[in-house]
C-alpha atoms as a PDB file:
ATOM      1  CA  MET A   1       0.041  -0.062  -0.034  1.00  0.00           C
ATOM      2  CA  VAL A   2       1.398   3.418  -0.897  1.00  0.00           C
ATOM      3  CA  THR A   3       0.200   6.763   0.161  1.00  0.00           C
ATOM      4  CA  PRO A   4       1.855  10.081  -0.125  1.00  0.00           C
ATOM      5  CA  ASP A   5       3.666   9.669   2.950  1.00  0.00           C
ATOM      6  CA  SER A   6       4.082   5.970   3.447  1.00  0.00           C
ATOM      7  CA  PHE A   7       4.856   2.565   1.980  1.00  0.00           C
ATOM      8  CA  GLN A   8       3.634  -0.677   3.379  1.00  0.00           C
ATOM      9  CA  TYR A   9       3.464  -4.323   2.169  1.00  0.00           C
ATOM     10  CA  PHE A  10       1.242  -7.177   3.290  1.00  0.00           C
ATOM     11  CA  GLN A  11       1.553 -10.887   2.543  1.00  0.00           C
ATOM     12  CA  LEU A  12      -1.336 -12.272   0.422  1.00  0.00           C
ATOM     13  CA  PRO A  13      -2.420 -15.941  -0.140  1.00  0.00           C
ATOM     14  CA  ASP A  14      -0.750 -17.487  -3.214  1.00  0.00           C
ATOM     15  CA  ARG A  15      -1.516 -16.556  -6.754  1.00  0.00           C
ATOM     16  CA  LYS A  16      -3.704 -19.687  -7.330  1.00  0.00           C
ATOM     17  CA  THR A  17      -6.026 -18.865  -4.589  1.00  0.00           C
ATOM     18  CA  ILE A  18      -6.523 -15.219  -5.646  1.00  0.00           C
ATOM     19  CA  GLU A  19      -7.010 -15.947  -9.271  1.00  0.00           C
ATOM     20  CA  GLU A  20      -9.539 -18.875  -8.601  1.00  0.00           C
ATOM     21  CA  LEU A  21     -11.623 -16.607  -6.530  1.00  0.00           C
ATOM     22  CA  SER A  22     -11.229 -13.604  -8.968  1.00  0.00           C
ATOM     23  CA  THR A  23     -12.481 -15.863 -11.803  1.00  0.00           C
ATOM     24  CA  GLU A  24     -15.480 -17.021  -9.822  1.00  0.00           C
ATOM     25  CA  VAL A  25     -16.374 -13.503  -9.149  1.00  0.00           C
ATOM     26  CA  TYR A  26     -16.048 -12.511 -12.833  1.00  0.00           C
ATOM     27  CA  LYS A  27     -18.218 -15.406 -13.838  1.00  0.00           C
ATOM     28  CA  SER A  28     -20.914 -14.453 -11.415  1.00  0.00           C
ATOM     29  CA  VAL A  29     -21.134 -10.871 -12.786  1.00  0.00           C
ATOM     30  CA  THR A  30     -20.874 -11.947 -16.496  1.00  0.00           C
ATOM     31  CA  THR A  31     -23.690 -14.812 -16.344  1.00  0.00           C
ATOM     32  CA  ARG A  32     -26.332 -12.619 -17.815  1.00  0.00           C
ATOM     33  CA  GLN A  33     -24.348 -11.939 -20.961  1.00  0.00           C
ATOM     34  CA  GLN A  34     -24.119 -15.531 -21.777  1.00  0.00           C
ATOM     35  CA  LEU A  35     -27.715 -16.753 -21.235  1.00  0.00           C
ATOM     36  CA  ASP A  36     -29.262 -15.547 -24.577  1.00  0.00           C
ATOM     37  CA  GLY A  37     -31.471 -18.264 -25.965  1.00  0.00           C
ATOM     38  CA  GLN A  38     -31.122 -20.607 -23.027  1.00  0.00           C
ATOM     39  CA  SER A  39     -34.064 -21.979 -21.041  1.00  0.00           C
ATOM     40  CA  ASP A  40     -34.620 -21.269 -17.258  1.00  0.00           C
ATOM     41  CA  ILE A  41     -32.565 -18.049 -17.440  1.00  0.00           C
ATOM     42  CA  GLN A  42     -33.859 -16.673 -14.104  1.00  0.00           C
ATOM     43  CA  SER A  43     -32.577 -19.510 -11.872  1.00  0.00           C
ATOM     44  CA  GLN A  44     -29.258 -19.211 -13.532  1.00  0.00           C
ATOM     45  CA  ILE A  45     -29.339 -15.631 -12.750  1.00  0.00           C
ATOM     46  CA  ASP A  46     -30.367 -16.074  -9.250  1.00  0.00           C
ATOM     47  CA  GLU A  47     -27.571 -18.643  -8.939  1.00  0.00           C
ATOM     48  CA  SER A  48     -24.991 -16.406 -10.206  1.00  0.00           C
ATOM     49  CA  ASP A  49     -26.081 -13.525  -7.892  1.00  0.00           C
ATOM     50  CA  ASN A  50     -25.982 -15.752  -4.888  1.00  0.00           C
ATOM     51  CA  LEU A  51     -22.448 -16.830  -5.947  1.00  0.00           C
ATOM     52  CA  PHE A  52     -21.471 -13.001  -6.188  1.00  0.00           C
ATOM     53  CA  LEU A  53     -22.776 -12.426  -2.786  1.00  0.00           C
ATOM     54  CA  GLN A  54     -20.849 -15.253  -1.355  1.00  0.00           C
ATOM     55  CA  LYS A  55     -17.579 -14.895  -3.284  1.00  0.00           C
ATOM     56  CA  ALA A  56     -17.069 -11.035  -3.509  1.00  0.00           C
ATOM     57  CA  PRO A  57     -16.982 -10.332   0.171  1.00  0.00           C
ATOM     58  CA  GLN A  58     -14.360 -13.288   0.455  1.00  0.00           C
ATOM     59  CA  LEU A  59     -12.273 -11.665  -2.410  1.00  0.00           C
ATOM     60  CA  SER A  60     -12.681  -8.345  -0.729  1.00  0.00           C
ATOM     61  CA  GLN A  61     -11.479  -9.418   2.536  1.00  0.00           C
ATOM     62  CA  LEU A  62      -8.709 -11.306   1.078  1.00  0.00           C
ATOM     63  CA  LEU A  63      -7.353  -8.405  -0.860  1.00  0.00           C
ATOM     64  CA  PHE A  64      -8.279  -5.362   1.363  1.00  0.00           C
ATOM     65  CA  GLY A  65      -8.890  -6.849   4.880  1.00  0.00           C
ATOM     66  CA  GLN A  66      -5.370  -6.192   6.148  1.00  0.00           C
ATOM     67  CA  ILE A  67      -5.790  -2.352   5.055  1.00  0.00           C
ATOM     68  CA  ALA A  68      -9.529  -1.992   5.673  1.00  0.00           C
ATOM     69  CA  THR A  69      -8.957   0.514   8.620  1.00  0.00           C
ATOM     70  CA  GLN A  70      -6.624   2.545   6.597  1.00  0.00           C
ATOM     71  CA  LEU A  71      -8.740   3.005   3.457  1.00  0.00           C
ATOM     72  CA  GLY A  72     -10.983   5.848   4.762  1.00  0.00           C
ATOM     73  CA  SER A  73     -12.525   7.396   1.708  1.00  0.00           C
ATOM     74  CA  LYS A  74      -9.211   7.690  -0.285  1.00  0.00           C
ATOM     75  CA  ARG A  75      -8.878   7.146  -4.049  1.00  0.00           C
ATOM     76  CA  LEU A  76      -7.757   3.495  -4.681  1.00  0.00           C
ATOM     77  CA  LEU A  77      -5.423   3.103  -7.552  1.00  0.00           C
ATOM     78  CA  LEU A  78      -5.131  -0.644  -8.418  1.00  0.00           C
ATOM     79  CA  ILE A  79      -2.479  -2.204 -10.230  1.00  0.00           C
ATOM     80  CA  THR A  80      -3.467  -5.657 -11.524  1.00  0.00           C
ATOM     81  CA  GLU A  81      -2.403  -8.510 -13.814  1.00  0.00           C
ATOM     82  CA  GLY A  82      -3.740 -11.823 -14.742  1.00  0.00           C
ATOM     83  CA  ASN A  83      -7.242 -12.770 -13.867  1.00  0.00           C
ATOM     84  CA  MET A  84      -7.434  -9.927 -11.562  1.00  0.00           C
ATOM     85  CA  GLN A  85      -7.721  -7.545 -14.532  1.00  0.00           C
ATOM     86  CA  PHE A  86     -11.260  -8.867 -14.815  1.00  0.00           C
ATOM     87  CA  VAL A  87     -12.236  -8.223 -11.285  1.00  0.00           C
ATOM     88  CA  PRO A  88     -14.955  -5.536 -10.911  1.00  0.00           C
ATOM     89  CA  PHE A  89     -13.419  -4.004  -8.050  1.00  0.00           C
ATOM     90  CA  SER A  90     -15.785  -1.147  -7.774  1.00  0.00           C
ATOM     91  CA  ALA A  91     -18.719  -3.905  -6.963  1.00  0.00           C
ATOM     92  CA  LEU A  92     -16.874  -5.676  -4.277  1.00  0.00           C
ATOM     93  CA  PRO A  93     -18.076  -4.834  -0.939  1.00  0.00           C
ATOM     94  CA  VAL A  94     -16.162  -2.855   1.613  1.00  0.00           C
ATOM     95  CA  PRO A  95     -14.265  -5.317   3.623  1.00  0.00           C
ATOM     96  CA  GLY A  96     -15.827  -6.205   6.893  1.00  0.00           C
ATOM     97  CA  ALA A  97     -19.509  -6.436   7.808  1.00  0.00           C
ATOM     98  CA  SER A  98     -20.627  -3.631   5.365  1.00  0.00           C
ATOM     99  CA  ASN A  99     -22.363  -4.655   2.164  1.00  0.00           C
ATOM    100  CA  ALA A 100     -21.696  -1.437   0.597  1.00  0.00           C
ATOM    101  CA  PRO A 101     -19.820  -1.481  -2.597  1.00  0.00           C
ATOM    102  CA  LEU A 102     -16.353   0.062  -2.474  1.00  0.00           C
ATOM    103  CA  ILE A 103     -17.367   2.548  -5.193  1.00  0.00           C
ATOM    104  CA  SER A 104     -19.662   4.100  -2.634  1.00  0.00           C
ATOM    105  CA  ASP A 105     -16.795   5.471  -0.719  1.00  0.00           C
ATOM    106  CA  HIS A 106     -13.874   5.376  -3.140  1.00  0.00           C
ATOM    107  CA  GLU A 107     -12.797   6.651  -6.483  1.00  0.00           C
ATOM    108  CA  MET A 108     -11.323   3.375  -8.277  1.00  0.00           C
ATOM    109  CA  VAL A 109      -8.639   3.635 -10.748  1.00  0.00           C
ATOM    110  CA  GLN A 110      -7.398   0.429 -12.287  1.00  0.00           C
ATOM    111  CA  LEU A 111      -4.064   0.385 -14.257  1.00  0.00           C
ATOM    112  CA  PRO A 112      -2.204  -2.469 -15.975  1.00  0.00           C
ATOM    113  CA  SER A 113       1.005  -3.878 -14.354  1.00  0.00           C
ATOM    114  CA  ILE A 114       4.512  -3.373 -15.799  1.00  0.00           C
ATOM    115  CA  ALA A 115       4.492  -6.990 -17.054  1.00  0.00           C
ATOM    116  CA  THR A 116       1.257  -6.367 -18.875  1.00  0.00           C
ATOM    117  CA  LEU A 117       2.523  -3.214 -20.412  1.00  0.00           C
ATOM    118  CA  ARG A 118       5.688  -4.863 -21.495  1.00  0.00           C
ATOM    119  CA  ALA A 119       3.680  -7.720 -22.966  1.00  0.00           C
ATOM    120  CA  ILE A 120       1.426  -5.201 -25.009  1.00  0.00           C
ATOM    121  CA  ARG A 121       4.411  -3.244 -26.291  1.00  0.00           C
ATOM    122  CA  ALA A 122       6.213  -6.412 -27.427  1.00  0.00           C
ATOM    123  CA  THR A 123       3.166  -7.520 -29.359  1.00  0.00           C
ATOM    124  CA  GLU A 124       2.980  -4.002 -30.953  1.00  0.00           C
ATOM    125  CA  ASN A 125       6.461  -3.916 -31.810  1.00  0.00           C
ATOM    126  CA  LYS A 126       6.193  -7.505 -33.380  1.00  0.00           C
ATOM    127  CA  ASN A 127       3.161  -6.616 -35.401  1.00  0.00           C
ATOM    128  CA  ARG A 128       4.311  -3.160 -36.484  1.00  0.00           C
ATOM    129  CA  ASP A 129       4.821  -2.883 -40.147  1.00  0.00           C
ATOM    130  CA  ALA A 130       8.011  -1.684 -41.546  1.00  0.00           C
ATOM    131  CA  ALA A 131       6.135   1.217 -43.144  1.00  0.00           C
ATOM    132  CA  ASP A 132       5.729   2.668 -39.756  1.00  0.00           C
ATOM    133  CA  LYS A 133       9.483   3.322 -39.734  1.00  0.00           C
ATOM    134  CA  ILE A 134       9.375   5.592 -42.827  1.00  0.00           C
ATOM    135  CA  ALA A 135       9.901   9.392 -42.144  1.00  0.00           C
ATOM    136  CA  ALA A 136      10.317  12.282 -44.580  1.00  0.00           C
ATOM    137  CA  VAL A 137      13.420  14.457 -43.564  1.00  0.00           C
ATOM    138  CA  ILE A 138      13.418  17.783 -45.271  1.00  0.00           C
ATOM    139  CA  ALA A 139      16.278  20.375 -44.822  1.00  0.00           C
ATOM    140  CA  ASP A 140      18.360  23.102 -46.320  1.00  0.00           C
ATOM    141  CA  PRO A 141      15.772  24.342 -48.750  1.00  0.00           C
ATOM    142  CA  VAL A 142      16.309  26.565 -51.779  1.00  0.00           C
ATOM    143  CA  PHE A 143      15.336  30.188 -51.089  1.00  0.00           C
ATOM    144  CA  THR A 144      16.785  31.973 -54.061  1.00  0.00           C
ATOM    145  CA  ARG A 145      16.961  31.596 -57.721  1.00  0.00           C
ATOM    146  CA  ASN A 146      20.924  32.015 -57.666  1.00  0.00           C
ATOM    147  CA  ASP A 147      21.331  29.143 -55.124  1.00  0.00           C
ATOM    148  CA  THR A 148      24.283  27.234 -56.436  1.00  0.00           C
ATOM    149  CA  ARG A 149      22.558  23.906 -56.214  1.00  0.00           C
ATOM    150  CA  VAL A 150      20.045  24.834 -58.728  1.00  0.00           C
ATOM    151  CA  HIS A 151      21.457  23.865 -62.169  1.00  0.00           C
ATOM    152  CA  ASN A 152      18.270  23.226 -64.297  1.00  0.00           C
ATOM    153  CA  SER A 153      17.470  26.332 -66.331  1.00  0.00           C
ATOM    154  CA  LEU A 154      13.535  25.593 -65.707  1.00  0.00           C
ATOM    155  CA  LEU A 155      14.188  25.387 -61.994  1.00  0.00           C
ATOM    156  CA  VAL A 156      16.334  28.434 -62.061  1.00  0.00           C
ATOM    157  CA  ALA A 157      13.409  30.318 -63.660  1.00  0.00           C
ATOM    158  CA  SER A 158      11.000  29.396 -61.260  1.00  0.00           C
ATOM    159  CA  ALA A 159      12.744  28.736 -57.999  1.00  0.00           C
ATOM    160  CA  ALA A 160      11.796  31.262 -55.110  1.00  0.00           C
ATOM    161  CA  THR A 161      10.256  33.717 -57.420  1.00  0.00           C
ATOM    162  CA  ASN A 162       8.385  36.558 -55.783  1.00  0.00           C
ATOM    163  CA  GLU A 163       5.266  35.853 -57.673  1.00  0.00           C
ATOM    164  CA  ASN A 164       4.891  32.430 -56.082  1.00  0.00           C
ATOM    165  CA  ARG A 165       5.186  33.502 -52.591  1.00  0.00           C
ATOM    166  CA  PRO A 166       2.437  34.530 -50.329  1.00  0.00           C
ATOM    167  CA  GLU A 167       2.671  38.215 -49.392  1.00  0.00           C
ATOM    168  CA  SER A 168       3.343  37.284 -45.751  1.00  0.00           C
ATOM    169  CA  THR A 169       6.314  35.007 -46.707  1.00  0.00           C
ATOM    170  CA  GLN A 170       7.737  37.673 -49.101  1.00  0.00           C
ATOM    171  CA  ARG A 171       7.630  40.313 -46.455  1.00  0.00           C
ATOM    172  CA  ALA A 172       9.370  38.002 -43.949  1.00  0.00           C
ATOM    173  CA  ILE A 173      12.172  37.298 -46.501  1.00  0.00           C
ATOM    174  CA  GLU A 174      12.595  40.953 -47.318  1.00  0.00           C
ATOM    175  CA  SER A 175      13.005  41.666 -43.719  1.00  0.00           C
ATOM    176  CA  LEU A 176      15.788  39.408 -43.441  1.00  0.00           C
ATOM    177  CA  ARG A 177      17.823  40.297 -46.525  1.00  0.00           C
ATOM    178  CA  ASN A 178      17.179  41.758 -49.980  1.00  0.00           C
ATOM    179  CA  ASP A 179      18.311  38.480 -51.741  1.00  0.00           C
ATOM    180  CA  GLY A 180      16.320  36.321 -49.266  1.00  0.00           C
ATOM    181  CA  PRO A 181      17.521  34.293 -46.270  1.00  0.00           C
ATOM    182  CA  GLY A 182      20.798  32.388 -46.310  1.00  0.00           C
ATOM    183  CA  ARG A 183      21.107  28.554 -46.650  1.00  0.00           C
ATOM    184  CA  LEU A 184      20.442  26.476 -43.617  1.00  0.00           C
ATOM    185  CA  THR A 185      23.561  24.252 -44.022  1.00  0.00           C
ATOM    186  CA  HIS A 186      23.616  22.711 -40.693  1.00  0.00           C
ATOM    187  CA  SER A 187      20.141  21.505 -41.044  1.00  0.00           C
ATOM    188  CA  SER A 188      21.239  19.358 -43.949  1.00  0.00           C
ATOM    189  CA  GLU A 189      23.770  17.878 -41.749  1.00  0.00           C
ATOM    190  CA  GLU A 190      21.152  17.021 -39.027  1.00  0.00           C
ATOM    191  CA  ALA A 191      18.936  15.447 -41.838  1.00  0.00           C
ATOM    192  CA  ASP A 192      21.842  13.245 -42.753  1.00  0.00           C
ATOM    193  CA  ALA A 193      22.366  12.157 -39.242  1.00  0.00           C
ATOM    194  CA  ILE A 194      18.604  11.406 -38.752  1.00  0.00           C
ATOM    195  CA  ALA A 195      18.559   9.361 -42.049  1.00  0.00           C
ATOM    196  CA  ARG A 196      21.542   7.388 -40.659  1.00  0.00           C
ATOM    197  CA  LEU A 197      19.762   6.182 -37.706  1.00  0.00           C
ATOM    198  CA  ARG A 198      17.304   3.999 -39.615  1.00  0.00           C
END
């Protein structure tokens, strides 16, 4: 348990016990979604509701019982993995004698574990298409018609003509120098360095 001014840890039952109980709670709250077209639906719903009323307090006590007196009305940030990611923590009762759900006293925030994030990212990287790594790097543009890099006569005639520039661009250029801004030579070096990273 981590708070702004403390760090505590508590021993929980083994993973198998927790995950088995978590699975039972999950199944009890998802029964309604699996009963379409079946007969005797109401009896199955009643059975799952009774199962939840029996198992949810057990799971709540198992996970939160040791810190029940410290919960107060704090926001609870839960980092879970495995079957516990399917547990509806908001619906679990407050540990102890109360039947009120945790959501009645707490804001519940659930986040994936580091192991889960690592697995997600590994899958994304594995499935990522090579095209995702393509980048267009543009640098050291031609600003003036007398730039030494422009040799084609048609390009010389059309490159950086005043007629092709928006008025705001032309004013900005004229404010720098009568013949336009100078070359951005170092931007070309930066572009080459970026290209070599592929």
